[in-house]
Amino acid sequence: HNPMGANASLPSGSDDGPNSPSEPRLGDLPESCIALVLSHLDPPEICKLARLNRAFRAASAADFIWQPKLPSNYKHIIEKLLHGEGVVALGKKDVYARLCTPISFDGGTKEMWVDKRTGGVCLSISSKGMMITGIDDRRYWNRIPTDESRFRTVAYLQQIWWLEVNGEFEFQFPAGTYSLLFRLQLGRVGKRLGRRGCSSENVHGWDIKPVRFQLTTTDGQHAVSRCFLDNPGNWEYYLVGDFVVKESNALTKIKFSLTQIDCTHTKGGLCVDSVLLCPSRLRKAYG
């Protein structure tokens, strides 16, 4: 049964306007029945139908609708990342909405958010939250401010022989399969006359040998991928690999890296923005 279809067939379903007593209205449906229907829909559909009338709006706030849509670790997220902040006292719909807004932590080097449509937990780690060989030597690297990054800054490699970017973190993910991807761009980000620009003058060395991506977890999972970097001037997501979280209540510890350590040639002109972690089913939507 499609509630939107019902609304289309009953133009009098609005709260406004006179209706004869015999004419059925959407607003006449018991709130509990409406809530039961809404519980089978995804969050964007629920919010859309909540705009139909007062009965749908009231029914859409029922905790039993939103409880199963929240990530299983939502209390841990609230405690660790929001430090309570009065969120626990909110209705489950408002908790869901709060978690869909990116939460910055670890000194602004990481962000976590819940996917609005599926409730999947996503995480992003800034280049500032990684260990980059030679990052403090201006001959090799620069930090560039840009609004093309959610963290407002990227690491730009001018030229180097030995490229090594490492990172590690631990987080309590809900059980499931997750993907880890690097967000990179060949070419220096910038603006020209107020418009997006990208300088590719230093881009070199990436077509000789592939970059090696790797991830390992403390429970023995391991993934390696190799890829030639390409598509200058455009941000690309490069898949490192997938990992499986078996228990929602356990901390998952992960190490990841990006390397190109063949010292027979230099490479340069690369922007390193961040690493993305998301449920594998959402990889195409985010990456």
C-alpha atoms as a PDB file:
ATOM      1  CA  HIS A   1       0.000   0.000   0.000  1.00  0.00           C
ATOM      2  CA  ASN A   2       1.413   3.415  -0.977  1.00  0.00           C
ATOM      3  CA  PRO A   3       0.410   6.243   1.381  1.00  0.00           C
ATOM      4  CA  MET A   4       1.354   8.772  -1.297  1.00  0.00           C
ATOM      5  CA  GLY A   5      -1.067   7.032  -3.652  1.00  0.00           C
ATOM      6  CA  ALA A   6      -3.733   7.264  -0.998  1.00  0.00           C
ATOM      7  CA  ASN A   7      -3.100  10.960  -0.668  1.00  0.00           C
ATOM      8  CA  ALA A   8      -3.375  11.429  -4.422  1.00  0.00           C
ATOM      9  CA  SER A   9      -6.753   9.694  -4.476  1.00  0.00           C
ATOM     10  CA  LEU A  10      -8.019  11.680  -1.500  1.00  0.00           C
ATOM     11  CA  PRO A  11      -7.347  15.365  -2.212  1.00  0.00           C
ATOM     12  CA  SER A  12      -9.262  16.238   0.916  1.00  0.00           C
ATOM     13  CA  GLY A  13      -6.582  14.630   3.101  1.00  0.00           C
ATOM     14  CA  SER A  14      -5.258  18.008   4.171  1.00  0.00           C
ATOM     15  CA  ASP A  15      -6.112  19.579   7.497  1.00  0.00           C
ATOM     16  CA  ASP A  16      -7.402  22.619   5.649  1.00  0.00           C
ATOM     17  CA  GLY A  17     -10.733  23.084   3.898  1.00  0.00           C
ATOM     18  CA  PRO A  18     -14.264  21.858   4.704  1.00  0.00           C
ATOM     19  CA  ASN A  19     -15.091  18.189   4.293  1.00  0.00           C
ATOM     20  CA  SER A  20     -18.370  16.370   4.561  1.00  0.00           C
ATOM     21  CA  PRO A  21     -18.619  13.958   7.516  1.00  0.00           C
ATOM     22  CA  SER A  22     -18.920  10.979   5.201  1.00  0.00           C
ATOM     23  CA  GLU A  23     -15.786  11.790   3.237  1.00  0.00           C
ATOM     24  CA  PRO A  24     -12.728   9.844   4.499  1.00  0.00           C
ATOM     25  CA  ARG A  25      -9.583  11.796   5.196  1.00  0.00           C
ATOM     26  CA  LEU A  26      -5.981  10.784   5.781  1.00  0.00           C
ATOM     27  CA  GLY A  27      -6.191  12.751   8.996  1.00  0.00           C
ATOM     28  CA  ASP A  28      -8.901  10.370  10.235  1.00  0.00           C
ATOM     29  CA  LEU A  29      -6.503   7.429  10.309  1.00  0.00           C
ATOM     30  CA  PRO A  30      -5.459   6.449  13.857  1.00  0.00           C
ATOM     31  CA  GLU A  31      -2.000   7.752  14.665  1.00  0.00           C
ATOM     32  CA  SER A  32      -0.869   4.260  15.660  1.00  0.00           C
ATOM     33  CA  CYS A  33      -1.822   2.900  12.222  1.00  0.00           C
ATOM     34  CA  ILE A  34       0.015   5.687  10.441  1.00  0.00           C
ATOM     35  CA  ALA A  35       3.099   5.087  12.589  1.00  0.00           C
ATOM     36  CA  LEU A  36       2.999   1.380  11.761  1.00  0.00           C
ATOM     37  CA  VAL A  37       3.003   2.159   8.036  1.00  0.00           C
ATOM     38  CA  LEU A  38       5.823   4.697   8.445  1.00  0.00           C
ATOM     39  CA  SER A  39       7.965   2.169  10.326  1.00  0.00           C
ATOM     40  CA  HIS A  40       8.387   0.179   7.094  1.00  0.00           C
ATOM     41  CA  LEU A  41       9.776   3.157   5.157  1.00  0.00           C
ATOM     42  CA  ASP A  42      13.252   4.659   5.068  1.00  0.00           C
ATOM     43  CA  PRO A  43      13.958   7.975   6.872  1.00  0.00           C
ATOM     44  CA  PRO A  44      13.684  10.333   3.854  1.00  0.00           C
ATOM     45  CA  GLU A  45      10.287   8.829   2.954  1.00  0.00           C
ATOM     46  CA  ILE A  46       9.085   9.193   6.551  1.00  0.00           C
ATOM     47  CA  CYS A  47      10.094  12.853   6.644  1.00  0.00           C
ATOM     48  CA  LYS A  48       8.395  13.445   3.304  1.00  0.00           C
ATOM     49  CA  LEU A  49       5.094  11.957   4.502  1.00  0.00           C
ATOM     50  CA  ALA A  50       5.330  13.852   7.798  1.00  0.00           C
ATOM     51  CA  ARG A  51       4.563  16.986   5.794  1.00  0.00           C
ATOM     52  CA  LEU A  52       1.154  15.674   4.678  1.00  0.00           C
ATOM     53  CA  ASN A  53      -0.821  16.745   7.749  1.00  0.00           C
ATOM     54  CA  ARG A  54      -0.801  16.923  11.540  1.00  0.00           C
ATOM     55  CA  ALA A  55      -1.618  13.239  12.037  1.00  0.00           C
ATOM     56  CA  PHE A  56       1.312  12.095   9.889  1.00  0.00           C
ATOM     57  CA  ARG A  57       3.599  14.656  11.514  1.00  0.00           C
ATOM     58  CA  ALA A  58       2.719  13.425  15.008  1.00  0.00           C
ATOM     59  CA  ALA A  59       2.961   9.752  14.021  1.00  0.00           C
ATOM     60  CA  SER A  60       6.379  10.273  12.409  1.00  0.00           C
ATOM     61  CA  ALA A  61       7.902  11.131  15.792  1.00  0.00           C
ATOM     62  CA  ALA A  62       7.144   7.757  17.401  1.00  0.00           C
ATOM     63  CA  ASP A  63      10.249   6.266  19.013  1.00  0.00           C
ATOM     64  CA  PHE A  64       9.442   2.731  17.830  1.00  0.00           C
ATOM     65  CA  ILE A  65       9.804   3.924  14.205  1.00  0.00           C
ATOM     66  CA  TRP A  66      13.298   5.304  14.709  1.00  0.00           C
ATOM     67  CA  GLN A  67      14.792   2.927  17.277  1.00  0.00           C
ATOM     68  CA  PRO A  68      15.567   0.143  14.734  1.00  0.00           C
ATOM     69  CA  LYS A  69      16.895   2.685  12.230  1.00  0.00           C
ATOM     70  CA  LEU A  70      19.536   3.989  14.616  1.00  0.00           C
ATOM     71  CA  PRO A  71      22.978   2.341  14.384  1.00  0.00           C
ATOM     72  CA  SER A  72      23.401  -0.316  17.064  1.00  0.00           C
ATOM     73  CA  ASN A  73      26.285   1.684  18.568  1.00  0.00           C
ATOM     74  CA  TYR A  74      24.446   5.004  18.765  1.00  0.00           C
ATOM     75  CA  LYS A  75      24.710   5.226  22.574  1.00  0.00           C
ATOM     76  CA  HIS A  76      28.481   4.710  22.334  1.00  0.00           C
ATOM     77  CA  ILE A  77      28.717   7.466  19.696  1.00  0.00           C
ATOM     78  CA  ILE A  78      26.708   9.874  21.849  1.00  0.00           C
ATOM     79  CA  GLU A  79      28.819   9.122  24.916  1.00  0.00           C
ATOM     80  CA  LYS A  80      32.247   9.197  23.257  1.00  0.00           C
ATOM     81  CA  LEU A  81      31.851  11.850  20.554  1.00  0.00           C
ATOM     82  CA  LEU A  82      29.058  14.101  21.828  1.00  0.00           C
ATOM     83  CA  HIS A  83      29.798  13.593  25.547  1.00  0.00           C
ATOM     84  CA  GLY A  84      26.073  13.264  26.189  1.00  0.00           C
ATOM     85  CA  GLU A  85      25.217  16.859  25.204  1.00  0.00           C
ATOM     86  CA  GLY A  86      21.630  16.194  26.271  1.00  0.00           C
ATOM     87  CA  VAL A  87      21.142  13.987  23.210  1.00  0.00           C
ATOM     88  CA  VAL A  88      20.047  10.961  25.252  1.00  0.00           C
ATOM     89  CA  ALA A  89      17.010  12.892  26.476  1.00  0.00           C
ATOM     90  CA  LEU A  90      15.863  13.581  22.920  1.00  0.00           C
ATOM     91  CA  GLY A  91      13.301  11.504  21.069  1.00  0.00           C
ATOM     92  CA  LYS A  92      14.770   8.843  18.790  1.00  0.00           C
ATOM     93  CA  LYS A  93      13.857  10.849  15.664  1.00  0.00           C
ATOM     94  CA  ASP A  94      15.871  13.824  16.933  1.00  0.00           C
ATOM     95  CA  VAL A  95      18.766  11.550  17.900  1.00  0.00           C
ATOM     96  CA  TYR A  96      18.778  10.195  14.336  1.00  0.00           C
ATOM     97  CA  ALA A  97      18.774  13.728  12.910  1.00  0.00           C
ATOM     98  CA  ARG A  98      21.651  14.773  15.181  1.00  0.00           C
ATOM     99  CA  LEU A  99      23.769  11.783  14.133  1.00  0.00           C
ATOM    100  CA  CYS A 100      23.193  12.578  10.448  1.00  0.00           C
ATOM    101  CA  THR A 101      25.060  15.846  11.011  1.00  0.00           C
ATOM    102  CA  PRO A 102      28.857  15.278  10.830  1.00  0.00           C
ATOM    103  CA  ILE A 103      30.474  15.092  14.274  1.00  0.00           C
ATOM    104  CA  SER A 104      34.059  16.350  14.417  1.00  0.00           C
ATOM    105  CA  PHE A 105      36.491  14.733  16.881  1.00  0.00           C
ATOM    106  CA  ASP A 106      40.180  14.093  17.602  1.00  0.00           C
ATOM    107  CA  GLY A 107      41.053  17.766  17.284  1.00  0.00           C
ATOM    108  CA  GLY A 108      39.091  18.188  14.070  1.00  0.00           C
ATOM    109  CA  THR A 109      41.082  15.506  12.218  1.00  0.00           C
ATOM    110  CA  LYS A 110      38.144  13.082  12.007  1.00  0.00           C
ATOM    111  CA  GLU A 111      34.422  13.257  11.291  1.00  0.00           C
ATOM    112  CA  MET A 112      31.678  10.705  11.800  1.00  0.00           C
ATOM    113  CA  TRP A 113      28.133  10.777  10.484  1.00  0.00           C
ATOM    114  CA  VAL A 114      25.186   8.490   9.892  1.00  0.00           C
ATOM    115  CA  ASP A 115      23.930   8.021   6.341  1.00  0.00           C
ATOM    116  CA  LYS A 116      20.486   9.653   6.207  1.00  0.00           C
ATOM    117  CA  ARG A 117      18.900   6.961   4.092  1.00  0.00           C
ATOM    118  CA  THR A 118      20.274   3.771   5.641  1.00  0.00           C
ATOM    119  CA  GLY A 119      21.556   4.627   9.115  1.00  0.00           C
ATOM    120  CA  GLY A 120      25.013   3.326   8.140  1.00  0.00           C
ATOM    121  CA  VAL A 121      27.970   4.702  10.101  1.00  0.00           C
ATOM    122  CA  CYS A 122      30.559   6.589   8.004  1.00  0.00           C
ATOM    123  CA  LEU A 123      33.899   8.029   9.048  1.00  0.00           C
ATOM    124  CA  SER A 124      36.409  10.352   7.402  1.00  0.00           C
ATOM    125  CA  ILE A 125      40.019  10.991   8.455  1.00  0.00           C
ATOM    126  CA  SER A 126      41.839  14.162   7.378  1.00  0.00           C
ATOM    127  CA  SER A 127      45.371  14.216   5.973  1.00  0.00           C
ATOM    128  CA  LYS A 128      46.219  16.004   9.240  1.00  0.00           C
ATOM    129  CA  GLY A 129      45.230  12.825  11.063  1.00  0.00           C
ATOM    130  CA  MET A 130      47.770  10.759   9.126  1.00  0.00           C
ATOM    131  CA  MET A 131      51.534  10.314   9.346  1.00  0.00           C
ATOM    132  CA  ILE A 132      53.073  11.586   6.109  1.00  0.00           C
ATOM    133  CA  THR A 133      56.811  11.143   5.512  1.00  0.00           C
ATOM    134  CA  GLY A 134      58.441  14.554   5.023  1.00  0.00           C
ATOM    135  CA  ILE A 135      55.256  16.529   5.689  1.00  0.00           C
ATOM    136  CA  ASP A 136      57.128  19.265   7.600  1.00  0.00           C
ATOM    137  CA  ASP A 137      59.695  19.839   4.819  1.00  0.00           C
ATOM    138  CA  ARG A 138      58.417  22.585   2.514  1.00  0.00           C
ATOM    139  CA  ARG A 139      60.618  21.292  -0.301  1.00  0.00           C
ATOM    140  CA  TYR A 140      58.269  18.314  -0.559  1.00  0.00           C
ATOM    141  CA  TRP A 141      54.902  19.084   0.996  1.00  0.00           C
ATOM    142  CA  ASN A 142      52.562  22.026   1.634  1.00  0.00           C
ATOM    143  CA  ARG A 143      49.265  22.364   3.473  1.00  0.00           C
ATOM    144  CA  ILE A 144      46.764  24.052   1.182  1.00  0.00           C
ATOM    145  CA  PRO A 145      43.495  25.561   2.418  1.00  0.00           C
ATOM    146  CA  THR A 146      40.534  24.670   0.195  1.00  0.00           C
ATOM    147  CA  ASP A 147      36.760  24.399   0.425  1.00  0.00           C
ATOM    148  CA  GLU A 148      36.975  21.240  -1.711  1.00  0.00           C
ATOM    149  CA  SER A 149      37.759  19.272   1.446  1.00  0.00           C
ATOM    150  CA  ARG A 150      35.341  18.674   4.323  1.00  0.00           C
ATOM    151  CA  PHE A 151      38.359  19.425   6.546  1.00  0.00           C
ATOM    152  CA  ARG A 152      39.123  22.681   4.687  1.00  0.00           C
ATOM    153  CA  THR A 153      42.746  21.683   4.047  1.00  0.00           C
ATOM    154  CA  VAL A 154      44.696  19.136   1.989  1.00  0.00           C
ATOM    155  CA  ALA A 155      48.323  17.996   1.876  1.00  0.00           C
ATOM    156  CA  TYR A 156      49.954  18.828  -1.463  1.00  0.00           C
ATOM    157  CA  LEU A 157      53.003  16.904  -2.644  1.00  0.00           C
ATOM    158  CA  GLN A 158      55.267  18.975  -4.867  1.00  0.00           C
ATOM    159  CA  GLN A 159      57.911  16.324  -5.536  1.00  0.00           C
ATOM    160  CA  ILE A 160      59.456  13.415  -3.659  1.00  0.00           C
ATOM    161  CA  TRP A 161      61.321  10.153  -4.173  1.00  0.00           C
ATOM    162  CA  TRP A 162      59.766   8.243  -1.261  1.00  0.00           C
ATOM    163  CA  LEU A 163      55.996   8.593  -0.810  1.00  0.00           C
ATOM    164  CA  GLU A 164      54.574   7.134   2.392  1.00  0.00           C
ATOM    165  CA  VAL A 165      51.271   7.988   4.076  1.00  0.00           C
ATOM    166  CA  ASN A 166      50.206   5.968   7.135  1.00  0.00           C
ATOM    167  CA  GLY A 167      47.224   6.103   9.418  1.00  0.00           C
ATOM    168  CA  GLU A 168      45.579   4.150  12.201  1.00  0.00           C
ATOM    169  CA  PHE A 169      42.468   4.449  14.298  1.00  0.00           C
ATOM    170  CA  GLU A 170      40.065   2.495  16.439  1.00  0.00           C
ATOM    171  CA  PHE A 171      36.314   2.837  16.480  1.00  0.00           C
ATOM    172  CA  GLN A 172      33.271   0.915  17.581  1.00  0.00           C
ATOM    173  CA  PHE A 173      31.454   0.129  14.328  1.00  0.00           C
ATOM    174  CA  PRO A 174      28.138  -1.699  14.064  1.00  0.00           C
ATOM    175  CA  ALA A 175      28.582  -5.212  12.678  1.00  0.00           C
ATOM    176  CA  GLY A 176      28.874  -5.343   8.906  1.00  0.00           C
ATOM    177  CA  THR A 177      31.238  -5.072   5.941  1.00  0.00           C
ATOM    178  CA  TYR A 178      33.041  -1.767   5.425  1.00  0.00           C
ATOM    179  CA  SER A 179      35.176  -0.235   2.680  1.00  0.00           C
ATOM    180  CA  LEU A 180      38.197   2.031   3.132  1.00  0.00           C
ATOM    181  CA  LEU A 181      39.049   4.514   0.365  1.00  0.00           C
ATOM    182  CA  PHE A 182      41.639   7.270  -0.157  1.00  0.00           C
ATOM    183  CA  ARG A 183      40.409  10.585  -1.630  1.00  0.00           C
ATOM    184  CA  LEU A 184      43.164  11.930  -3.887  1.00  0.00           C
ATOM    185  CA  GLN A 185      43.623  14.333  -6.760  1.00  0.00           C
ATOM    186  CA  LEU A 186      46.417  14.807  -9.261  1.00  0.00           C
ATOM    187  CA  GLY A 187      47.036  18.541  -9.621  1.00  0.00           C
ATOM    188  CA  ARG A 188      47.192  21.419  -7.160  1.00  0.00           C
ATOM    189  CA  VAL A 189      43.801  22.722  -6.016  1.00  0.00           C
ATOM    190  CA  GLY A 190      43.159  26.423  -6.248  1.00  0.00           C
ATOM    191  CA  LYS A 191      40.933  29.189  -7.559  1.00  0.00           C
ATOM    192  CA  ARG A 192      41.383  31.516 -10.491  1.00  0.00           C
ATOM    193  CA  LEU A 193      39.231  34.626 -10.734  1.00  0.00           C
ATOM    194  CA  GLY A 194      36.887  33.095  -8.161  1.00  0.00           C
ATOM    195  CA  ARG A 195      36.441  29.883 -10.125  1.00  0.00           C
ATOM    196  CA  ARG A 196      37.775  26.428  -9.445  1.00  0.00           C
ATOM    197  CA  GLY A 197      41.234  25.921 -10.918  1.00  0.00           C
ATOM    198  CA  CYS A 198      43.756  23.107 -10.868  1.00  0.00           C
ATOM    199  CA  SER A 199      47.423  23.349 -11.761  1.00  0.00           C
ATOM    200  CA  SER A 200      48.912  20.162 -13.211  1.00  0.00           C
ATOM    201  CA  GLU A 201      52.414  21.514 -13.872  1.00  0.00           C
ATOM    202  CA  ASN A 202      54.025  19.346 -11.167  1.00  0.00           C
ATOM    203  CA  VAL A 203      52.072  16.173 -11.969  1.00  0.00           C
ATOM    204  CA  HIS A 204      54.603  13.492 -12.902  1.00  0.00           C
ATOM    205  CA  GLY A 205      55.784   9.976 -12.093  1.00  0.00           C
ATOM    206  CA  TRP A 206      52.412   8.321 -11.512  1.00  0.00           C
ATOM    207  CA  ASP A 207      52.317   6.452 -14.826  1.00  0.00           C
ATOM    208  CA  ILE A 208      55.611   4.634 -14.194  1.00  0.00           C
ATOM    209  CA  LYS A 209      54.697   2.475 -11.197  1.00  0.00           C
ATOM    210  CA  PRO A 210      51.378   1.998  -9.371  1.00  0.00           C
ATOM    211  CA  VAL A 211      50.660   3.268  -5.885  1.00  0.00           C
ATOM    212  CA  ARG A 212      50.265   0.543  -3.255  1.00  0.00           C
ATOM    213  CA  PHE A 213      47.349   0.735  -0.814  1.00  0.00           C
ATOM    214  CA  GLN A 214      47.091  -1.485   2.247  1.00  0.00           C
ATOM    215  CA  LEU A 215      44.950  -2.044   5.315  1.00  0.00           C
ATOM    216  CA  THR A 216      45.276  -4.426   8.256  1.00  0.00           C
ATOM    217  CA  THR A 217      43.074  -5.031  11.288  1.00  0.00           C
ATOM    218  CA  THR A 218      44.150  -6.340  14.668  1.00  0.00           C
ATOM    219  CA  ASP A 219      41.964  -9.415  14.183  1.00  0.00           C
ATOM    220  CA  GLY A 220      44.051 -10.506  11.193  1.00  0.00           C
ATOM    221  CA  GLN A 221      42.211  -9.066   8.193  1.00  0.00           C
ATOM    222  CA  HIS A 222      44.442  -7.795   5.409  1.00  0.00           C
ATOM    223  CA  ALA A 223      43.870  -6.120   2.048  1.00  0.00           C
ATOM    224  CA  VAL A 224      46.281  -4.817  -0.583  1.00  0.00           C
ATOM    225  CA  SER A 225      45.515  -3.036  -3.842  1.00  0.00           C
ATOM    226  CA  ARG A 226      47.680  -1.384  -6.489  1.00  0.00           C
ATOM    227  CA  CYS A 227      46.556   1.362  -8.799  1.00  0.00           C
ATOM    228  CA  PHE A 228      47.976   3.911 -11.218  1.00  0.00           C
ATOM    229  CA  LEU A 229      46.775   7.382 -10.237  1.00  0.00           C
ATOM    230  CA  ASP A 230      45.082   9.219 -13.095  1.00  0.00           C
ATOM    231  CA  ASN A 231      42.367  11.728 -14.067  1.00  0.00           C
ATOM    232  CA  PRO A 232      44.242  14.990 -13.256  1.00  0.00           C
ATOM    233  CA  GLY A 233      42.099  17.838 -11.966  1.00  0.00           C
ATOM    234  CA  ASN A 234      39.413  15.608 -10.458  1.00  0.00           C
ATOM    235  CA  TRP A 235      39.003  14.101  -7.007  1.00  0.00           C
ATOM    236  CA  GLU A 236      39.026  10.312  -7.129  1.00  0.00           C
ATOM    237  CA  TYR A 237      38.275   7.678  -4.494  1.00  0.00           C
ATOM    238  CA  TYR A 238      40.756   4.778  -4.589  1.00  0.00           C
ATOM    239  CA  LEU A 239      39.578   1.599  -2.886  1.00  0.00           C
ATOM    240  CA  VAL A 240      42.094   0.177  -0.429  1.00  0.00           C
ATOM    241  CA  GLY A 241      39.956  -2.802   0.538  1.00  0.00           C
ATOM    242  CA  ASP A 242      37.107  -4.122   2.668  1.00  0.00           C
ATOM    243  CA  PHE A 243      37.015  -5.367   6.250  1.00  0.00           C
ATOM    244  CA  VAL A 244      34.356  -7.127   8.287  1.00  0.00           C
ATOM    245  CA  VAL A 245      33.179  -6.117  11.754  1.00  0.00           C
ATOM    246  CA  LYS A 246      31.715  -9.167  13.473  1.00  0.00           C
ATOM    247  CA  GLU A 247      30.764  -7.704  16.851  1.00  0.00           C
ATOM    248  CA  SER A 248      29.071  -4.342  17.275  1.00  0.00           C
ATOM    249  CA  ASN A 249      30.259  -3.840  20.843  1.00  0.00           C
ATOM    250  CA  ALA A 250      33.961  -4.375  20.146  1.00  0.00           C
ATOM    251  CA  LEU A 251      36.532  -1.759  19.145  1.00  0.00           C
ATOM    252  CA  THR A 252      37.859  -2.263  15.618  1.00  0.00           C
ATOM    253  CA  LYS A 253      41.506  -1.266  15.192  1.00  0.00           C
ATOM    254  CA  ILE A 254      42.738  -0.571  11.680  1.00  0.00           C
ATOM    255  CA  LYS A 255      46.018   0.507  10.098  1.00  0.00           C
ATOM    256  CA  PHE A 256      46.127   1.768   6.518  1.00  0.00           C
ATOM    257  CA  SER A 257      48.738   3.135   4.131  1.00  0.00           C
ATOM    258  CA  LEU A 258      49.467   4.616   0.737  1.00  0.00           C
ATOM    259  CA  THR A 259      53.011   4.116  -0.594  1.00  0.00           C
ATOM    260  CA  GLN A 260      55.065   4.565  -3.745  1.00  0.00           C
ATOM    261  CA  ILE A 261      58.615   3.893  -2.602  1.00  0.00           C
ATOM    262  CA  ASP A 262      60.313   2.999  -5.882  1.00  0.00           C
ATOM    263  CA  CYS A 263      63.233   5.425  -5.729  1.00  0.00           C
ATOM    264  CA  THR A 264      64.146   5.121  -9.420  1.00  0.00           C
ATOM    265  CA  HIS A 265      61.980   8.152 -10.162  1.00  0.00           C
ATOM    266  CA  THR A 266      60.391  11.176  -8.504  1.00  0.00           C
ATOM    267  CA  LYS A 267      56.666  11.811  -8.354  1.00  0.00           C
ATOM    268  CA  GLY A 268      54.730  14.953  -7.598  1.00  0.00           C
ATOM    269  CA  GLY A 269      51.649  17.088  -8.050  1.00  0.00           C
ATOM    270  CA  LEU A 270      49.389  15.064  -5.717  1.00  0.00           C
ATOM    271  CA  CYS A 271      46.731  16.322  -3.292  1.00  0.00           C
ATOM    272  CA  VAL A 272      45.991  14.025  -0.345  1.00  0.00           C
ATOM    273  CA  ASP A 273      42.668  14.941   1.220  1.00  0.00           C
ATOM    274  CA  SER A 274      41.304  12.168   3.404  1.00  0.00           C
ATOM    275  CA  VAL A 275      40.371   8.552   3.953  1.00  0.00           C
ATOM    276  CA  LEU A 276      36.728   7.469   3.883  1.00  0.00           C
ATOM    277  CA  LEU A 277      35.247   4.497   5.712  1.00  0.00           C
ATOM    278  CA  CYS A 278      31.684   3.530   4.943  1.00  0.00           C
ATOM    279  CA  PRO A 279      29.471   0.440   4.756  1.00  0.00           C
ATOM    280  CA  SER A 280      30.440  -1.360   1.544  1.00  0.00           C
ATOM    281  CA  ARG A 281      26.885  -1.135   0.246  1.00  0.00           C
ATOM    282  CA  LEU A 282      27.254   2.675   0.284  1.00  0.00           C
ATOM    283  CA  ARG A 283      30.629   2.763  -1.454  1.00  0.00           C
ATOM    284  CA  LYS A 284      29.243   3.954  -4.770  1.00  0.00           C
ATOM    285  CA  ALA A 285      27.134   6.637  -3.120  1.00  0.00           C
ATOM    286  CA  TYR A 286      30.108   8.148  -1.271  1.00  0.00           C
ATOM    287  CA  GLY A 287      33.075   7.080  -3.375  1.00  0.00           C
END
